[in-house]
PDB file of all heavy atoms in Angstrom:
ATOM      1  N   ALA A   1      -5.968  -6.050  18.075  1.00  0.00           N
ATOM      2  CA  ALA A   1      -4.801  -6.780  17.579  1.00  0.00           C
ATOM      3  C   ALA A   1      -4.696  -6.665  16.062  1.00  0.00           C
ATOM      4  O   ALA A   1      -3.612  -6.491  15.518  1.00  0.00           O
ATOM      5  CB  ALA A   1      -4.869  -8.249  18.003  1.00  0.00           C
ATOM      6  N   VAL A   2      -5.835  -6.741  15.391  1.00  0.00           N
ATOM      7  CA  VAL A   2      -5.846  -6.613  13.938  1.00  0.00           C
ATOM      8  C   VAL A   2      -5.382  -5.225  13.546  1.00  0.00           C
ATOM      9  O   VAL A   2      -4.544  -5.036  12.683  1.00  0.00           O
ATOM     10  CB  VAL A   2      -7.252  -6.922  13.358  1.00  0.00           C
ATOM     11  CG1 VAL A   2      -7.342  -6.508  11.908  1.00  0.00           C
ATOM     12  CG2 VAL A   2      -7.567  -8.390  13.520  1.00  0.00           C
ATOM     13  N   ALA A   3      -5.914  -4.203  14.194  1.00  0.00           N
ATOM     14  CA  ALA A   3      -5.547  -2.824  13.867  1.00  0.00           C
ATOM     15  C   ALA A   3      -4.070  -2.578  14.136  1.00  0.00           C
ATOM     16  O   ALA A   3      -3.433  -1.802  13.444  1.00  0.00           O
ATOM     17  CB  ALA A   3      -6.405  -1.845  14.669  1.00  0.00           C
ATOM     18  N   ALA A   4      -3.518  -3.231  15.153  1.00  0.00           N
ATOM     19  CA  ALA A   4      -2.110  -3.055  15.477  1.00  0.00           C
ATOM     20  C   ALA A   4      -1.209  -3.887  14.577  1.00  0.00           C
ATOM     21  O   ALA A   4       0.005  -3.822  14.676  1.00  0.00           O
ATOM     22  CB  ALA A   4      -1.869  -3.426  16.941  1.00  0.00           C
ATOM     23  N   GLY A   5      -1.798  -4.683  13.707  1.00  0.00           N
ATOM     24  CA  GLY A   5      -0.992  -5.492  12.794  1.00  0.00           C
ATOM     25  C   GLY A   5      -0.585  -6.823  13.369  1.00  0.00           C
ATOM     26  O   GLY A   5       0.348  -7.445  12.901  1.00  0.00           O
ATOM     27  N   ASN A   6      -1.260  -7.269  14.415  1.00  0.00           N
ATOM     28  CA  ASN A   6      -0.907  -8.533  15.042  1.00  0.00           C
ATOM     29  C   ASN A   6      -1.845  -9.643  14.596  1.00  0.00           C
ATOM     30  O   ASN A   6      -2.816  -9.944  15.257  1.00  0.00           O
ATOM     31  CB  ASN A   6      -0.969  -8.400  16.578  1.00  0.00           C
ATOM     32  CG  ASN A   6      -0.012  -7.368  17.087  1.00  0.00           C
ATOM     33  OD1 ASN A   6       1.026  -7.146  16.475  1.00  0.00           O
ATOM     34  ND2 ASN A   6      -0.359  -6.717  18.199  1.00  0.00           N
ATOM     35  N   GLY A   7      -1.578 -10.214  13.439  1.00  0.00           N
ATOM     36  CA  GLY A   7      -2.349 -11.368  13.010  1.00  0.00           C
ATOM     37  C   GLY A   7      -3.534 -11.040  12.123  1.00  0.00           C
ATOM     38  O   GLY A   7      -4.323 -11.913  11.836  1.00  0.00           O
ATOM     39  N   GLY A   8      -3.710  -9.821  11.718  1.00  0.00           N
ATOM     40  CA  GLY A   8      -4.836  -9.474  10.870  1.00  0.00           C
ATOM     41  C   GLY A   8      -4.375  -8.641   9.682  1.00  0.00           C
ATOM     42  O   GLY A   8      -3.194  -8.413   9.490  1.00  0.00           O
ATOM     43  N   VAL A   9      -5.338  -8.201   8.927  1.00  0.00           N
ATOM     44  CA  VAL A   9      -5.059  -7.357   7.773  1.00  0.00           C
ATOM     45  C   VAL A   9      -5.088  -5.922   8.256  1.00  0.00           C
ATOM     46  O   VAL A   9      -6.099  -5.448   8.778  1.00  0.00           O
ATOM     47  CB  VAL A   9      -6.108  -7.570   6.659  1.00  0.00           C
ATOM     48  CG1 VAL A   9      -5.846  -6.626   5.508  1.00  0.00           C
ATOM     49  CG2 VAL A   9      -6.087  -9.007   6.202  1.00  0.00           C
ATOM     50  N   GLY A  10      -3.995  -5.223   8.119  1.00  0.00           N
ATOM     51  CA  GLY A  10      -3.912  -3.846   8.571  1.00  0.00           C
ATOM     52  C   GLY A  10      -4.407  -2.859   7.533  1.00  0.00           C
ATOM     53  O   GLY A  10      -4.686  -3.203   6.386  1.00  0.00           O
ATOM     54  N   ARG A  11      -4.527  -1.624   7.960  1.00  0.00           N
ATOM     55  CA  ARG A  11      -5.015  -0.557   7.093  1.00  0.00           C
ATOM     56  C   ARG A  11      -4.106  -0.394   5.875  1.00  0.00           C
ATOM     57  O   ARG A  11      -4.566  -0.203   4.765  1.00  0.00           O
ATOM     58  CB  ARG A  11      -5.091   0.739   7.892  1.00  0.00           C
ATOM     59  CG  ARG A  11      -5.594   1.887   7.089  1.00  0.00           C
ATOM     60  CD  ARG A  11      -5.760   3.125   7.902  1.00  0.00           C
ATOM     61  NE  ARG A  11      -4.553   3.363   8.681  1.00  0.00           N
ATOM     62  CZ  ARG A  11      -4.457   4.261   9.643  1.00  0.00           C
ATOM     63  NH1 ARG A  11      -5.490   4.989   9.954  1.00  0.00           N
ATOM     64  NH2 ARG A  11      -3.339   4.434  10.288  1.00  0.00           N
ATOM     65  N   ARG A  12      -2.801  -0.468   6.052  1.00  0.00           N
ATOM     66  CA  ARG A  12      -1.860  -0.307   4.940  1.00  0.00           C
ATOM     67  C   ARG A  12      -2.074  -1.387   3.878  1.00  0.00           C
ATOM     68  O   ARG A  12      -2.090  -1.107   2.688  1.00  0.00           O
ATOM     69  CB  ARG A  12      -0.424  -0.363   5.442  1.00  0.00           C
ATOM     70  CG  ARG A  12       0.585  -0.148   4.319  1.00  0.00           C
ATOM     71  CD  ARG A  12       1.984  -0.087   4.812  1.00  0.00           C
ATOM     72  NE  ARG A  12       2.120   1.135   5.594  1.00  0.00           N
ATOM     73  CZ  ARG A  12       3.216   1.489   6.218  1.00  0.00           C
ATOM     74  NH1 ARG A  12       4.268   0.728   6.189  1.00  0.00           N
ATOM     75  NH2 ARG A  12       3.274   2.605   6.899  1.00  0.00           N
ATOM     76  N   ALA A  13      -2.280  -2.624   4.295  1.00  0.00           N
ATOM     77  CA  ALA A  13      -2.501  -3.719   3.345  1.00  0.00           C
ATOM     78  C   ALA A  13      -3.788  -3.503   2.557  1.00  0.00           C
ATOM     79  O   ALA A  13      -3.839  -3.728   1.349  1.00  0.00           O
ATOM     80  CB  ALA A  13      -2.539  -5.067   4.066  1.00  0.00           C
ATOM     81  N   VAL A  14      -4.830  -3.037   3.261  1.00  0.00           N
ATOM     82  CA  VAL A  14      -6.106  -2.782   2.585  1.00  0.00           C
ATOM     83  C   VAL A  14      -5.932  -1.665   1.559  1.00  0.00           C
ATOM     84  O   VAL A  14      -6.380  -1.761   0.425  1.00  0.00           O
ATOM     85  CB  VAL A  14      -7.213  -2.440   3.608  1.00  0.00           C
ATOM     86  CG1 VAL A  14      -8.459  -1.921   2.905  1.00  0.00           C
ATOM     87  CG2 VAL A  14      -7.540  -3.658   4.451  1.00  0.00           C
ATOM     88  N   LEU A  15      -5.270  -0.578   1.954  1.00  0.00           N
ATOM     89  CA  LEU A  15      -5.066   0.547   1.041  1.00  0.00           C
ATOM     90  C   LEU A  15      -4.195   0.150  -0.153  1.00  0.00           C
ATOM     91  O   LEU A  15      -4.467   0.538  -1.285  1.00  0.00           O
ATOM     92  CB  LEU A  15      -4.451   1.737   1.776  1.00  0.00           C
ATOM     93  CG  LEU A  15      -5.380   2.426   2.776  1.00  0.00           C
ATOM     94  CD1 LEU A  15      -4.627   3.495   3.545  1.00  0.00           C
ATOM     95  CD2 LEU A  15      -6.588   3.009   2.085  1.00  0.00           C
ATOM     96  N   CYS A  16      -3.144  -0.607   0.105  1.00  0.00           N
ATOM     97  CA  CYS A  16      -2.289  -1.057  -0.999  1.00  0.00           C
ATOM     98  C   CYS A  16      -3.059  -1.967  -1.950  1.00  0.00           C
ATOM     99  O   CYS A  16      -2.931  -1.852  -3.169  1.00  0.00           O
ATOM    100  CB  CYS A  16      -1.052  -1.788  -0.475  1.00  0.00           C
ATOM    101  SG  CYS A  16       0.127  -0.664   0.296  1.00  0.00           S
ATOM    102  N   GLY A  17      -3.884  -2.839  -1.404  1.00  0.00           N
ATOM    103  CA  GLY A  17      -4.709  -3.722  -2.235  1.00  0.00           C
ATOM    104  C   GLY A  17      -5.692  -2.937  -3.078  1.00  0.00           C
ATOM    105  O   GLY A  17      -5.896  -3.217  -4.259  1.00  0.00           O
ATOM    106  N   ALA A  18      -6.291  -1.908  -2.475  1.00  0.00           N
ATOM    107  CA  ALA A  18      -7.233  -1.071  -3.221  1.00  0.00           C
ATOM    108  C   ALA A  18      -6.508  -0.331  -4.345  1.00  0.00           C
ATOM    109  O   ALA A  18      -7.025  -0.194  -5.449  1.00  0.00           O
ATOM    110  CB  ALA A  18      -7.920  -0.084  -2.288  1.00  0.00           C
ATOM    111  N   GLY A  19      -5.298   0.139  -4.063  1.00  0.00           N
ATOM    112  CA  GLY A  19      -4.518   0.830  -5.092  1.00  0.00           C
ATOM    113  C   GLY A  19      -4.170  -0.098  -6.239  1.00  0.00           C
ATOM    114  O   GLY A  19      -4.262   0.276  -7.409  1.00  0.00           O
ATOM    115  N   ALA A  20      -3.798  -1.328  -5.913  1.00  0.00           N
ATOM    116  CA  ALA A  20      -3.458  -2.302  -6.957  1.00  0.00           C
ATOM    117  C   ALA A  20      -4.681  -2.651  -7.793  1.00  0.00           C
ATOM    118  O   ALA A  20      -4.599  -2.764  -9.020  1.00  0.00           O
ATOM    119  CB  ALA A  20      -2.871  -3.568  -6.323  1.00  0.00           C
ATOM    120  N   ALA A  21      -5.839  -2.771  -7.135  1.00  0.00           N
ATOM    121  CA  ALA A  21      -7.068  -3.078  -7.876  1.00  0.00           C
ATOM    122  C   ALA A  21      -7.418  -1.931  -8.807  1.00  0.00           C
ATOM    123  O   ALA A  21      -7.818  -2.139  -9.955  1.00  0.00           O
ATOM    124  CB  ALA A  21      -8.222  -3.348  -6.905  1.00  0.00           C
ATOM    125  N   GLY A  22      -7.252  -0.695  -8.337  1.00  0.00           N
ATOM    126  CA  GLY A  22      -7.520   0.469  -9.174  1.00  0.00           C
ATOM    127  C   GLY A  22      -6.601   0.519 -10.380  1.00  0.00           C
ATOM    128  O   GLY A  22      -7.021   0.821 -11.494  1.00  0.00           O
ATOM    129  N   ALA A  23      -5.319   0.205 -10.163  1.00  0.00           N
ATOM    130  CA  ALA A  23      -4.357   0.196 -11.268  1.00  0.00           C
ATOM    131  C   ALA A  23      -4.728  -0.874 -12.293  1.00  0.00           C
ATOM    132  O   ALA A  23      -4.625  -0.653 -13.503  1.00  0.00           O
ATOM    133  CB  ALA A  23      -2.946  -0.053 -10.744  1.00  0.00           C
ATOM    134  N   ALA A  24      -5.187  -2.024 -11.821  1.00  0.00           N
ATOM    135  CA  ALA A  24      -5.589  -3.099 -12.743  1.00  0.00           C
ATOM    136  C   ALA A  24      -6.794  -2.674 -13.570  1.00  0.00           C
ATOM    137  O   ALA A  24      -6.862  -2.933 -14.771  1.00  0.00           O
ATOM    138  CB  ALA A  24      -5.905  -4.380 -11.962  1.00  0.00           C
ATOM    139  N   LEU A  25      -7.763  -1.998 -12.941  1.00  0.00           N
ATOM    140  CA  LEU A  25      -8.930  -1.519 -13.681  1.00  0.00           C
ATOM    141  C   LEU A  25      -8.535  -0.469 -14.706  1.00  0.00           C
ATOM    142  O   LEU A  25      -9.034  -0.455 -15.823  1.00  0.00           O
ATOM    143  CB  LEU A  25      -9.973  -0.944 -12.725  1.00  0.00           C
ATOM    144  CG  LEU A  25     -10.743  -1.952 -11.899  1.00  0.00           C
ATOM    145  CD1 LEU A  25     -11.610  -1.240 -10.861  1.00  0.00           C
ATOM    146  CD2 LEU A  25     -11.601  -2.834 -12.774  1.00  0.00           C
ATOM    147  N   LEU A  26      -7.623   0.419 -14.340  1.00  0.00           N
ATOM    148  CA  LEU A  26      -7.161   1.445 -15.275  1.00  0.00           C
ATOM    149  C   LEU A  26      -6.469   0.794 -16.460  1.00  0.00           C
ATOM    150  O   LEU A  26      -6.713   1.152 -17.608  1.00  0.00           O
ATOM    151  CB  LEU A  26      -6.216   2.418 -14.567  1.00  0.00           C
ATOM    152  CG  LEU A  26      -5.638   3.538 -15.421  1.00  0.00           C
ATOM    153  CD1 LEU A  26      -6.767   4.412 -15.959  1.00  0.00           C
ATOM    154  CD2 LEU A  26      -4.666   4.374 -14.624  1.00  0.00           C
ATOM    155  N   ALA A  27      -5.631  -0.184 -16.203  1.00  0.00           N
ATOM    156  CA  ALA A  27      -4.943  -0.881 -17.292  1.00  0.00           C
ATOM    157  C   ALA A  27      -5.939  -1.587 -18.194  1.00  0.00           C
ATOM    158  O   ALA A  27      -5.808  -1.568 -19.415  1.00  0.00           O
ATOM    159  CB  ALA A  27      -3.932  -1.885 -16.722  1.00  0.00           C
ATOM    160  N   ALA A  28      -6.956  -2.202 -17.610  1.00  0.00           N
ATOM    161  CA  ALA A  28      -7.969  -2.880 -18.420  1.00  0.00           C
ATOM    162  C   ALA A  28      -8.728  -1.873 -19.268  1.00  0.00           C
ATOM    163  O   ALA A  28      -9.035  -2.131 -20.430  1.00  0.00           O
ATOM    164  CB  ALA A  28      -8.938  -3.673 -17.538  1.00  0.00           C
ATOM    165  N   GLY A  29      -9.019  -0.691 -18.721  1.00  0.00           N
ATOM    166  CA  GLY A  29      -9.721   0.345 -19.478  1.00  0.00           C
ATOM    167  C   GLY A  29      -8.895   0.822 -20.649  1.00  0.00           C
ATOM    168  O   GLY A  29      -9.392   1.010 -21.749  1.00  0.00           O
ATOM    169  N   CYS A  30      -7.608   1.039 -20.433  1.00  0.00           N
ATOM    170  CA  CYS A  30      -6.727   1.498 -21.517  1.00  0.00           C
ATOM    171  C   CYS A  30      -6.481   0.373 -22.510  1.00  0.00           C
ATOM    172  O   CYS A  30      -6.284   0.623 -23.682  1.00  0.00           O
ATOM    173  CB  CYS A  30      -5.391   1.985 -20.957  1.00  0.00           C
ATOM    174  SG  CYS A  30      -5.542   3.568 -20.122  1.00  0.00           S
ATOM    175  N   GLY A  31      -6.481  -0.846 -22.039  1.00  0.00           N
ATOM    176  CA  GLY A  31      -6.228  -1.974 -22.924  1.00  0.00           C
ATOM    177  C   GLY A  31      -7.475  -2.466 -23.626  1.00  0.00           C
ATOM    178  O   GLY A  31      -7.414  -3.332 -24.471  1.00  0.00           O
ATOM    179  N   GLY A  32      -8.604  -1.910 -23.277  1.00  0.00           N
ATOM    180  CA  GLY A  32      -9.840  -2.285 -23.948  1.00  0.00           C
ATOM    181  C   GLY A  32     -10.436  -3.586 -23.451  1.00  0.00           C
ATOM    182  O   GLY A  32     -11.378  -4.092 -24.017  1.00  0.00           O
ATOM    183  N   GLY A  33      -9.861  -4.146 -22.374  1.00  0.00           N
ATOM    184  CA  GLY A  33     -10.439  -5.351 -21.801  1.00  0.00           C
ATOM    185  C   GLY A  33     -10.339  -6.563 -22.708  1.00  0.00           C
ATOM    186  O   GLY A  33     -11.164  -7.440 -22.684  1.00  0.00           O
ATOM    187  N   GLY A  34      -9.315  -6.627 -23.562  1.00  0.00           N
ATOM    188  CA  GLY A  34      -9.106  -7.800 -24.393  1.00  0.00           C
ATOM    189  C   GLY A  34      -9.996  -7.859 -25.619  1.00  0.00           C
ATOM    190  O   GLY A  34     -10.259  -8.930 -26.137  1.00  0.00           O
ATOM    191  N   LYS A  35     -10.478  -6.719 -26.083  1.00  0.00           N
ATOM    192  CA  LYS A  35     -11.316  -6.712 -27.288  1.00  0.00           C
ATOM    193  C   LYS A  35     -10.488  -7.173 -28.485  1.00  0.00           C
ATOM    194  O   LYS A  35      -9.384  -6.742 -28.687  1.00  0.00           O
ATOM    195  CB  LYS A  35     -11.846  -5.307 -27.570  1.00  0.00           C
ATOM    196  CG  LYS A  35     -12.808  -4.806 -26.546  1.00  0.00           C
ATOM    197  CD  LYS A  35     -13.229  -3.394 -26.881  1.00  0.00           C
ATOM    198  CE  LYS A  35     -14.069  -2.838 -25.762  1.00  0.00           C
ATOM    199  NZ  LYS A  35     -14.139  -1.400 -25.783  1.00  0.00           N
TER     200      LYS A  35
END
């Protein structure tokens, strides 16, 4: 049910979340992390 998207976190949501986390880390690296 989770894999089919019925009430759980699907593969697309996990991948999108990972992409957003990667983008945030890249932005922090370019921004110097608030130095």
